[in-house]
């Protein structure tokens, strides 16, 4: 028995999600650039936050960046080519499972690359 087709998404929702993604990535890039330029006041308070961020940079900055990059990749691919559907080991991934699996694979690939290169 074939699975029913998932309902089409509202174009307004896609536009809102796209702008939210652009906004979040833009804010993240601005914070990262401000951090690297030394503009943000990281040295205030009882703990030296800048030293902690420098010591654990891959975990504090790298992993959220990997998550945003994977999300951006999945969203761009889905918006350009339509629904993401594929079959792996006889398992058909359709609907929401396709983008979720693709995000997990992209995120793991980026985090492995960060671990190997760090």
N, C-alpha and C. Protein backbone atom coordinates (compact mmCIF):
# COMPACT_ATOMS: atom_id res chain seq x y z
N UNK A 1 0.83 -1.16 0.00
CA UNK A 1 0.00 0.00 0.00
C UNK A 1 0.89 1.25 0.00
N UNK A 2 0.79 2.11 -1.01
CA UNK A 2 1.66 3.29 -1.07
C UNK A 2 1.28 4.32 0.00
N UNK A 3 2.28 5.06 0.42
CA UNK A 3 2.05 6.11 1.41
C UNK A 3 1.37 7.31 0.76
N UNK A 4 0.51 8.00 1.50
CA UNK A 4 -0.13 9.19 0.93
C UNK A 4 0.89 10.32 0.76
N UNK A 5 0.65 11.17 -0.21
CA UNK A 5 1.53 12.31 -0.46
C UNK A 5 1.39 13.32 0.69
N UNK A 6 2.51 13.87 1.16
CA UNK A 6 2.41 14.89 2.21
C UNK A 6 1.81 16.16 1.62
N UNK A 7 1.11 16.94 2.45
CA UNK A 7 0.50 18.18 1.94
C UNK A 7 1.57 19.20 1.55
N UNK A 8 1.24 20.03 0.58
CA UNK A 8 2.15 21.08 0.15
C UNK A 8 2.28 22.14 1.24
N UNK A 9 3.45 22.74 1.32
CA UNK A 9 3.68 23.77 2.33
C UNK A 9 3.20 25.12 1.83
N UNK A 10 2.81 25.93 2.77
CA UNK A 10 2.38 27.28 2.45
C UNK A 10 3.59 28.11 2.04
N UNK A 11 3.53 28.81 0.90
CA UNK A 11 4.69 29.62 0.47
C UNK A 11 5.05 30.72 1.46
N UNK A 12 4.07 31.25 2.19
CA UNK A 12 4.35 32.28 3.18
C UNK A 12 5.23 31.73 4.31
N UNK A 13 4.94 30.51 4.73
CA UNK A 13 5.74 29.88 5.79
C UNK A 13 7.17 29.69 5.31
N UNK A 14 7.35 29.27 4.06
CA UNK A 14 8.70 29.08 3.52
C UNK A 14 9.46 30.40 3.49
N UNK A 15 8.79 31.49 3.12
CA UNK A 15 9.46 32.79 3.10
C UNK A 15 9.82 33.25 4.51
N UNK A 16 8.93 33.05 5.46
CA UNK A 16 9.21 33.45 6.84
C UNK A 16 10.38 32.65 7.40
N UNK A 17 10.40 31.35 7.16
CA UNK A 17 11.50 30.51 7.63
C UNK A 17 12.81 30.92 6.96
N UNK A 18 12.75 31.24 5.68
CA UNK A 18 13.96 31.67 4.97
C UNK A 18 14.52 32.96 5.58
N UNK A 19 13.65 33.93 5.87
CA UNK A 19 14.12 35.18 6.46
C UNK A 19 14.61 34.98 7.88
N UNK A 20 13.99 34.11 8.63
CA UNK A 20 14.48 33.81 9.98
C UNK A 20 15.87 33.18 9.91
N UNK A 21 16.06 32.26 8.97
CA UNK A 21 17.37 31.63 8.79
C UNK A 21 18.42 32.67 8.40
N UNK A 22 18.09 33.56 7.48
CA UNK A 22 19.02 34.61 7.08
C UNK A 22 19.36 35.50 8.27
N UNK A 23 18.37 35.84 9.07
CA UNK A 23 18.58 36.69 10.24
C UNK A 23 19.49 36.00 11.27
N UNK A 24 19.22 34.74 11.55
CA UNK A 24 20.02 34.01 12.54
C UNK A 24 21.46 33.85 12.06
N UNK A 25 21.65 33.49 10.81
CA UNK A 25 23.00 33.35 10.27
C UNK A 25 23.71 34.70 10.27
N UNK A 26 23.00 35.77 9.92
CA UNK A 26 23.61 37.10 9.93
C UNK A 26 24.05 37.52 11.32
N UNK A 27 23.21 37.28 12.31
CA UNK A 27 23.57 37.62 13.69
C UNK A 27 24.77 36.80 14.14
N UNK A 28 24.77 35.51 13.80
CA UNK A 28 25.88 34.64 14.19
C UNK A 28 27.19 35.11 13.56
N UNK A 29 27.15 35.50 12.29
CA UNK A 29 28.35 35.99 11.60
C UNK A 29 28.82 37.29 12.23
N UNK A 30 27.90 38.19 12.56
CA UNK A 30 28.28 39.45 13.19
C UNK A 30 28.93 39.23 14.55
N UNK A 31 28.37 38.33 15.35
CA UNK A 31 28.97 38.04 16.66
C UNK A 31 30.34 37.41 16.48
N UNK A 32 30.49 36.51 15.53
CA UNK A 32 31.78 35.87 15.28
C UNK A 32 32.82 36.90 14.84
N UNK A 33 32.43 37.79 13.92
CA UNK A 33 33.37 38.82 13.46
C UNK A 33 33.72 39.79 14.58
N UNK A 34 32.74 40.15 15.41
CA UNK A 34 33.03 41.03 16.53
C UNK A 34 33.95 40.34 17.53
N UNK A 35 33.79 39.05 17.72
CA UNK A 35 34.67 38.30 18.63
C UNK A 35 36.10 38.29 18.09
N UNK A 36 36.24 37.98 16.81
CA UNK A 36 37.59 37.88 16.25
C UNK A 36 38.26 39.25 16.17
N UNK A 37 37.47 40.31 16.03
CA UNK A 37 38.05 41.65 16.01
C UNK A 37 38.35 42.17 17.41
N UNK A 38 37.88 41.50 18.43
CA UNK A 38 38.13 41.92 19.81
C UNK A 38 37.23 43.04 20.27
N UNK A 39 36.10 43.23 19.63
CA UNK A 39 35.18 44.31 19.97
C UNK A 39 34.32 43.96 21.18
N UNK A 40 33.97 42.70 21.32
CA UNK A 40 33.07 42.29 22.42
C UNK A 40 33.82 42.27 23.75
N UNK A 41 33.19 42.70 24.83
CA UNK A 41 33.85 42.75 26.14
C UNK A 41 33.87 41.39 26.83
N UNK A 42 34.73 40.51 26.40
CA UNK A 42 34.77 39.15 26.94
C UNK A 42 35.53 39.06 28.26
N UNK A 43 36.33 40.05 28.59
CA UNK A 43 37.22 39.94 29.76
C UNK A 43 36.61 40.45 31.05
N UNK A 44 35.32 40.77 31.05
CA UNK A 44 34.66 41.25 32.25
C UNK A 44 34.12 40.09 33.07
N UNK A 45 33.95 40.30 34.35
CA UNK A 45 33.36 39.29 35.21
C UNK A 45 34.40 38.45 35.91
N UNK A 46 33.92 37.57 36.82
CA UNK A 46 34.85 36.75 37.61
C UNK A 46 35.60 35.73 36.78
N UNK A 47 34.97 35.20 35.73
CA UNK A 47 35.68 34.23 34.90
C UNK A 47 36.11 34.91 33.61
N UNK A 48 37.24 34.53 33.13
CA UNK A 48 37.75 35.10 31.90
C UNK A 48 37.10 34.38 30.73
N UNK A 49 36.02 34.95 30.22
CA UNK A 49 35.23 34.30 29.18
C UNK A 49 36.01 34.15 27.88
N UNK A 50 36.83 35.13 27.56
CA UNK A 50 37.60 35.06 26.31
C UNK A 50 38.58 33.88 26.35
N UNK A 51 39.21 33.65 27.49
CA UNK A 51 40.14 32.52 27.60
C UNK A 51 39.39 31.20 27.47
N UNK A 52 38.19 31.12 28.04
CA UNK A 52 37.39 29.90 27.92
C UNK A 52 36.96 29.67 26.48
N UNK A 53 36.53 30.73 25.81
CA UNK A 53 36.12 30.60 24.41
C UNK A 53 37.32 30.20 23.56
N UNK A 54 38.48 30.79 23.80
CA UNK A 54 39.67 30.42 23.03
C UNK A 54 40.07 28.98 23.28
N UNK A 55 39.93 28.53 24.51
CA UNK A 55 40.33 27.16 24.84
C UNK A 55 39.39 26.13 24.22
N UNK A 56 38.09 26.43 24.16
CA UNK A 56 37.09 25.50 23.65
C UNK A 56 36.38 26.07 22.42
N UNK A 57 37.13 26.69 21.53
CA UNK A 57 36.56 27.38 20.38
C UNK A 57 35.77 26.45 19.47
N UNK A 58 36.30 25.26 19.24
CA UNK A 58 35.61 24.32 18.34
C UNK A 58 34.24 23.91 18.90
N UNK A 59 34.13 23.78 20.20
CA UNK A 59 32.85 23.39 20.80
C UNK A 59 31.90 24.57 20.93
N UNK A 60 32.41 25.74 21.31
CA UNK A 60 31.55 26.88 21.58
C UNK A 60 31.11 27.57 20.29
N UNK A 61 31.99 27.69 19.34
CA UNK A 61 31.68 28.39 18.09
C UNK A 61 31.51 27.41 16.93
N UNK A 62 32.33 26.37 16.89
CA UNK A 62 32.32 25.45 15.75
C UNK A 62 31.05 24.63 15.62
N UNK A 63 30.57 24.06 16.72
CA UNK A 63 29.37 23.23 16.64
C UNK A 63 28.10 24.01 16.29
N UNK A 64 27.86 25.18 16.90
CA UNK A 64 26.70 25.95 16.44
C UNK A 64 26.84 26.40 14.99
N UNK A 65 28.06 26.72 14.57
CA UNK A 65 28.28 27.09 13.16
C UNK A 65 28.01 25.91 12.25
N UNK A 66 28.40 24.71 12.68
CA UNK A 66 28.13 23.51 11.89
C UNK A 66 26.63 23.25 11.78
N UNK A 67 25.91 23.47 12.87
CA UNK A 67 24.46 23.28 12.85
C UNK A 67 23.80 24.27 11.90
N UNK A 68 24.21 25.54 11.96
CA UNK A 68 23.65 26.54 11.06
C UNK A 68 24.02 26.27 9.60
N UNK A 69 25.24 25.82 9.37
CA UNK A 69 25.66 25.50 7.99
C UNK A 69 24.86 24.32 7.44
N UNK A 70 24.65 23.29 8.27
CA UNK A 70 23.86 22.13 7.82
C UNK A 70 22.41 22.53 7.57
N UNK A 71 21.85 23.36 8.44
CA UNK A 71 20.48 23.84 8.24
C UNK A 71 20.37 24.67 6.97
N UNK A 72 21.33 25.54 6.75
CA UNK A 72 21.32 26.35 5.54
C UNK A 72 21.44 25.48 4.29
N UNK A 73 22.30 24.49 4.33
CA UNK A 73 22.47 23.58 3.20
C UNK A 73 21.18 22.84 2.89
N UNK A 74 20.54 22.28 3.90
CA UNK A 74 19.29 21.54 3.70
C UNK A 74 18.20 22.47 3.18
N UNK A 75 18.10 23.66 3.77
CA UNK A 75 17.05 24.58 3.35
C UNK A 75 17.26 25.05 1.91
N UNK A 76 18.49 25.35 1.54
CA UNK A 76 18.78 25.78 0.17
C UNK A 76 18.50 24.66 -0.81
N UNK A 77 18.94 23.45 -0.50
CA UNK A 77 18.68 22.32 -1.40
C UNK A 77 17.20 22.05 -1.56
N UNK A 78 16.47 22.14 -0.46
CA UNK A 78 15.04 21.87 -0.52
C UNK A 78 14.29 22.98 -1.27
N UNK A 79 14.72 24.21 -1.09
CA UNK A 79 14.02 25.30 -1.78
C UNK A 79 14.35 25.33 -3.27
N UNK A 80 15.52 24.84 -3.66
CA UNK A 80 15.90 24.85 -5.07
C UNK A 80 15.40 23.63 -5.84
N UNK A 81 15.41 22.47 -5.20
CA UNK A 81 15.08 21.25 -5.94
C UNK A 81 13.76 20.62 -5.53
N UNK A 82 13.05 21.18 -4.58
CA UNK A 82 11.78 20.62 -4.16
C UNK A 82 11.94 19.68 -2.98
N UNK A 83 10.97 18.80 -2.83
CA UNK A 83 10.97 17.87 -1.69
C UNK A 83 12.21 16.98 -1.72
N UNK A 84 12.77 16.74 -0.55
CA UNK A 84 13.93 15.86 -0.43
C UNK A 84 13.42 14.47 -0.10
N UNK A 85 13.59 13.56 -1.04
CA UNK A 85 13.19 12.16 -0.86
C UNK A 85 14.31 11.28 -1.39
N UNK A 86 14.66 10.25 -0.63
CA UNK A 86 15.66 9.30 -1.11
C UNK A 86 15.47 7.96 -0.43
N UNK A 87 16.17 6.98 -0.95
CA UNK A 87 16.06 5.61 -0.45
C UNK A 87 17.44 5.12 -0.05
N UNK A 88 17.55 4.61 1.18
CA UNK A 88 18.81 4.11 1.70
C UNK A 88 18.58 2.74 2.30
N UNK A 89 19.32 1.74 1.82
CA UNK A 89 19.22 0.38 2.33
C UNK A 89 17.78 -0.14 2.33
N UNK A 90 17.03 0.20 1.29
CA UNK A 90 15.65 -0.24 1.17
C UNK A 90 14.66 0.56 1.99
N UNK A 91 15.13 1.57 2.72
CA UNK A 91 14.27 2.41 3.55
C UNK A 91 13.97 3.69 2.78
N UNK A 92 12.69 3.95 2.52
CA UNK A 92 12.30 5.14 1.78
C UNK A 92 12.08 6.30 2.75
N UNK A 93 12.80 7.39 2.52
CA UNK A 93 12.70 8.56 3.37
C UNK A 93 11.95 9.64 2.62
N UNK A 94 10.76 9.98 3.11
CA UNK A 94 9.90 10.97 2.48
C UNK A 94 9.34 11.89 3.54
N UNK A 95 8.78 12.99 3.11
CA UNK A 95 8.17 13.93 4.05
C UNK A 95 9.23 14.63 4.87
N UNK A 96 9.06 14.65 6.18
CA UNK A 96 10.00 15.33 7.07
C UNK A 96 11.26 14.52 7.33
N UNK A 97 11.22 13.22 7.11
CA UNK A 97 12.39 12.39 7.41
C UNK A 97 13.55 12.66 6.46
N UNK A 98 13.27 13.01 5.22
CA UNK A 98 14.34 13.29 4.26
C UNK A 98 15.21 14.45 4.69
N UNK A 99 14.64 15.64 4.95
CA UNK A 99 15.46 16.76 5.40
C UNK A 99 16.15 16.52 6.74
N UNK A 100 15.48 15.80 7.64
CA UNK A 100 16.09 15.53 8.95
C UNK A 100 17.33 14.66 8.80
N UNK A 101 17.22 13.59 8.02
CA UNK A 101 18.37 12.70 7.80
C UNK A 101 19.49 13.45 7.08
N UNK A 102 19.13 14.26 6.09
CA UNK A 102 20.14 15.03 5.37
C UNK A 102 20.82 16.03 6.30
N UNK A 103 20.08 16.67 7.21
CA UNK A 103 20.69 17.59 8.17
C UNK A 103 21.65 16.85 9.09
N UNK A 104 21.25 15.68 9.58
CA UNK A 104 22.12 14.90 10.48
C UNK A 104 23.41 14.51 9.76
N UNK A 105 23.29 14.05 8.51
CA UNK A 105 24.48 13.64 7.75
C UNK A 105 25.38 14.85 7.51
N UNK A 106 24.80 15.98 7.11
CA UNK A 106 25.62 17.19 6.87
C UNK A 106 26.28 17.67 8.16
N UNK A 107 25.52 17.68 9.26
CA UNK A 107 26.07 18.11 10.55
C UNK A 107 27.21 17.20 10.99
N UNK A 108 27.02 15.90 10.87
CA UNK A 108 28.09 14.96 11.26
C UNK A 108 29.32 15.11 10.38
N UNK A 109 29.13 15.33 9.08
CA UNK A 109 30.26 15.53 8.18
C UNK A 109 31.04 16.78 8.55
N UNK A 110 30.33 17.86 8.86
CA UNK A 110 31.01 19.12 9.23
C UNK A 110 31.72 18.97 10.57
N UNK A 111 31.08 18.31 11.54
CA UNK A 111 31.73 18.16 12.85
C UNK A 111 32.95 17.24 12.77
N UNK A 112 32.88 16.21 11.94
CA UNK A 112 34.06 15.35 11.75
C UNK A 112 35.18 16.16 11.10
N UNK A 113 34.84 17.00 10.14
CA UNK A 113 35.85 17.84 9.51
C UNK A 113 36.47 18.80 10.53
N UNK A 114 35.64 19.37 11.40
CA UNK A 114 36.17 20.26 12.45
C UNK A 114 37.11 19.48 13.37
N UNK A 115 36.72 18.28 13.76
CA UNK A 115 37.55 17.47 14.67
C UNK A 115 38.88 17.09 14.00
N UNK A 116 38.82 16.71 12.72
CA UNK A 116 40.04 16.31 12.01
C UNK A 116 40.97 17.50 11.81
N UNK A 117 40.42 18.66 11.50
CA UNK A 117 41.24 19.82 11.19
C UNK A 117 41.64 20.63 12.41
N UNK A 118 41.00 20.44 13.56
CA UNK A 118 41.30 21.26 14.73
C UNK A 118 42.57 20.81 15.38
